[in-house]
Amino acid sequence: MARKVYVRVNATFGTDGSISPKVIEWEDGTQYQVERVLDVRRAASMRAGGSGIRYQVRVVWDTPEGQPAYAVSYVWREDDNKWFVEAKN
């Protein structure tokens, strides 16, 4: 089972009420730029527990060698507007 990690998220708010995450800050301070939001839907986190609006995002960060790295990940926004990700134990 994965653990639930609450993260800081910088997001933009659209005039239509939409919310789009732009930066996800991990618990150690590492920041991941959200290059693109791929999908948004209400869903549960089956591995870590909890539910809310699930954002499937493509994130980018710089490797220690200075090269960009990419990954597709999920971040959830709970009904109380707290954000979390699933992390490996």
C-alpha atoms as a PDB file:
ATOM      1  CA  MET A   1       0.000   0.000   0.000  1.00  0.00           C
ATOM      2  CA  ALA A   2       1.178   3.520  -0.733  1.00  0.00           C
ATOM      3  CA  ARG A   3       1.238   6.374   1.728  1.00  0.00           C
ATOM      4  CA  LYS A   4      -0.693   9.585   1.338  1.00  0.00           C
ATOM      5  CA  VAL A   5       1.546  12.666   1.192  1.00  0.00           C
ATOM      6  CA  TYR A   6       0.064  16.146   1.402  1.00  0.00           C
ATOM      7  CA  VAL A   7       1.823  18.569  -0.938  1.00  0.00           C
ATOM      8  CA  ARG A   8       1.814  22.265  -1.729  1.00  0.00           C
ATOM      9  CA  VAL A   9       0.308  23.151  -5.082  1.00  0.00           C
ATOM     10  CA  ASN A  10       0.387  26.426  -6.981  1.00  0.00           C
ATOM     11  CA  ALA A  11      -2.677  26.568  -9.204  1.00  0.00           C
ATOM     12  CA  THR A  12      -4.518  28.915 -11.518  1.00  0.00           C
ATOM     13  CA  PHE A  13      -8.219  29.567 -11.215  1.00  0.00           C
ATOM     14  CA  GLY A  14     -10.250  30.071 -14.390  1.00  0.00           C
ATOM     15  CA  THR A  15     -13.178  32.447 -14.758  1.00  0.00           C
ATOM     16  CA  ASP A  16     -15.339  29.349 -15.241  1.00  0.00           C
ATOM     17  CA  GLY A  17     -14.352  28.054 -11.775  1.00  0.00           C
ATOM     18  CA  SER A  18     -11.821  25.525 -13.054  1.00  0.00           C
ATOM     19  CA  ILE A  19      -8.614  24.884 -11.097  1.00  0.00           C
ATOM     20  CA  SER A  20      -5.384  23.864 -12.847  1.00  0.00           C
ATOM     21  CA  PRO A  21      -2.275  22.848 -10.883  1.00  0.00           C
ATOM     22  CA  LYS A  22       0.917  24.505 -12.161  1.00  0.00           C
ATOM     23  CA  VAL A  23       3.590  23.519  -9.602  1.00  0.00           C
ATOM     24  CA  ILE A  24       3.647  20.588  -7.155  1.00  0.00           C
ATOM     25  CA  GLU A  25       6.034  20.933  -4.206  1.00  0.00           C
ATOM     26  CA  TRP A  26       7.108  17.656  -2.632  1.00  0.00           C
ATOM     27  CA  GLU A  27       7.621  17.276   1.137  1.00  0.00           C
ATOM     28  CA  ASP A  28      11.413  17.801   0.751  1.00  0.00           C
ATOM     29  CA  GLY A  29      10.899  21.090  -1.127  1.00  0.00           C
ATOM     30  CA  THR A  30      11.520  19.698  -4.622  1.00  0.00           C
ATOM     31  CA  GLN A  31       9.266  21.424  -7.127  1.00  0.00           C
ATOM     32  CA  TYR A  32       7.762  19.779 -10.191  1.00  0.00           C
ATOM     33  CA  GLN A  33       6.393  21.984 -12.953  1.00  0.00           C
ATOM     34  CA  VAL A  34       3.091  20.768 -14.369  1.00  0.00           C
ATOM     35  CA  GLU A  35       3.663  20.846 -18.095  1.00  0.00           C
ATOM     36  CA  ARG A  36       0.153  19.716 -18.948  1.00  0.00           C
ATOM     37  CA  VAL A  37      -3.062  18.538 -17.294  1.00  0.00           C
ATOM     38  CA  LEU A  38      -4.088  15.371 -19.134  1.00  0.00           C
ATOM     39  CA  ASP A  39      -7.328  14.489 -17.325  1.00  0.00           C
ATOM     40  CA  VAL A  40      -9.555  15.724 -14.487  1.00  0.00           C
ATOM     41  CA  ARG A  41     -12.205  13.607 -12.769  1.00  0.00           C
ATOM     42  CA  ARG A  42     -13.613  12.688  -9.372  1.00  0.00           C
ATOM     43  CA  ALA A  43     -11.838   9.536  -8.235  1.00  0.00           C
ATOM     44  CA  ALA A  44     -10.589   7.605  -5.235  1.00  0.00           C
ATOM     45  CA  SER A  45      -6.980   6.847  -4.419  1.00  0.00           C
ATOM     46  CA  MET A  46      -7.110   3.080  -4.156  1.00  0.00           C
ATOM     47  CA  ARG A  47      -3.476   2.738  -3.018  1.00  0.00           C
ATOM     48  CA  ALA A  48      -3.249   5.472  -0.374  1.00  0.00           C
ATOM     49  CA  GLY A  49      -6.867   6.044   0.595  1.00  0.00           C
ATOM     50  CA  GLY A  50      -8.874   9.206   0.180  1.00  0.00           C
ATOM     51  CA  SER A  51     -10.754  10.734  -2.698  1.00  0.00           C
ATOM     52  CA  GLY A  52     -11.449  13.987  -4.449  1.00  0.00           C
ATOM     53  CA  ILE A  53     -10.785  15.546  -7.813  1.00  0.00           C
ATOM     54  CA  ARG A  54      -7.948  13.608  -9.458  1.00  0.00           C
ATOM     55  CA  TYR A  55      -5.674  15.433 -11.880  1.00  0.00           C
ATOM     56  CA  GLN A  56      -3.549  13.368 -14.224  1.00  0.00           C
ATOM     57  CA  VAL A  57      -0.573  15.576 -15.003  1.00  0.00           C
ATOM     58  CA  ARG A  58       2.652  15.522 -16.954  1.00  0.00           C
ATOM     59  CA  VAL A  59       5.408  16.966 -14.771  1.00  0.00           C
ATOM     60  CA  VAL A  60       8.920  18.097 -15.647  1.00  0.00           C
ATOM     61  CA  TRP A  61      11.978  18.695 -13.446  1.00  0.00           C
ATOM     62  CA  ASP A  62      15.709  19.116 -13.880  1.00  0.00           C
ATOM     63  CA  THR A  63      17.970  16.143 -13.197  1.00  0.00           C
ATOM     64  CA  PRO A  64      21.270  16.628 -11.341  1.00  0.00           C
ATOM     65  CA  GLU A  65      22.938  16.627 -14.772  1.00  0.00           C
ATOM     66  CA  GLY A  66      20.791  19.607 -15.766  1.00  0.00           C
ATOM     67  CA  GLN A  67      18.668  17.643 -18.222  1.00  0.00           C
ATOM     68  CA  PRO A  68      14.873  17.763 -18.113  1.00  0.00           C
ATOM     69  CA  ALA A  69      13.010  14.647 -16.980  1.00  0.00           C
ATOM     70  CA  TYR A  70       9.309  13.942 -17.481  1.00  0.00           C
ATOM     71  CA  ALA A  71       6.700  11.731 -15.832  1.00  0.00           C
ATOM     72  CA  VAL A  72       2.948  11.273 -15.803  1.00  0.00           C
ATOM     73  CA  SER A  73       1.499  11.319 -12.296  1.00  0.00           C
ATOM     74  CA  TYR A  74      -1.657  11.957 -10.303  1.00  0.00           C
ATOM     75  CA  VAL A  75      -2.433  14.630  -7.737  1.00  0.00           C
ATOM     76  CA  TRP A  76      -5.734  14.786  -5.833  1.00  0.00           C
ATOM     77  CA  ARG A  77      -7.584  17.834  -4.499  1.00  0.00           C
ATOM     78  CA  GLU A  78      -9.763  16.821  -1.574  1.00  0.00           C
ATOM     79  CA  ASP A  79     -13.089  18.477  -0.814  1.00  0.00           C
ATOM     80  CA  ASP A  80     -11.371  20.610   1.866  1.00  0.00           C
ATOM     81  CA  ASN A  81      -8.923  21.866  -0.837  1.00  0.00           C
ATOM     82  CA  LYS A  82      -5.941  19.938   0.542  1.00  0.00           C
ATOM     83  CA  TRP A  83      -3.761  18.345  -2.158  1.00  0.00           C
ATOM     84  CA  PHE A  84      -2.078  14.927  -1.936  1.00  0.00           C
ATOM     85  CA  VAL A  85      -0.111  12.402  -3.962  1.00  0.00           C
ATOM     86  CA  GLU A  86       0.516   8.682  -3.544  1.00  0.00           C
ATOM     87  CA  ALA A  87       4.061   7.836  -2.439  1.00  0.00           C
ATOM     88  CA  LYS A  88       5.823   4.519  -2.190  1.00  0.00           C
ATOM     89  CA  ASN A  89       6.366   3.200   1.343  1.00  0.00           C
END
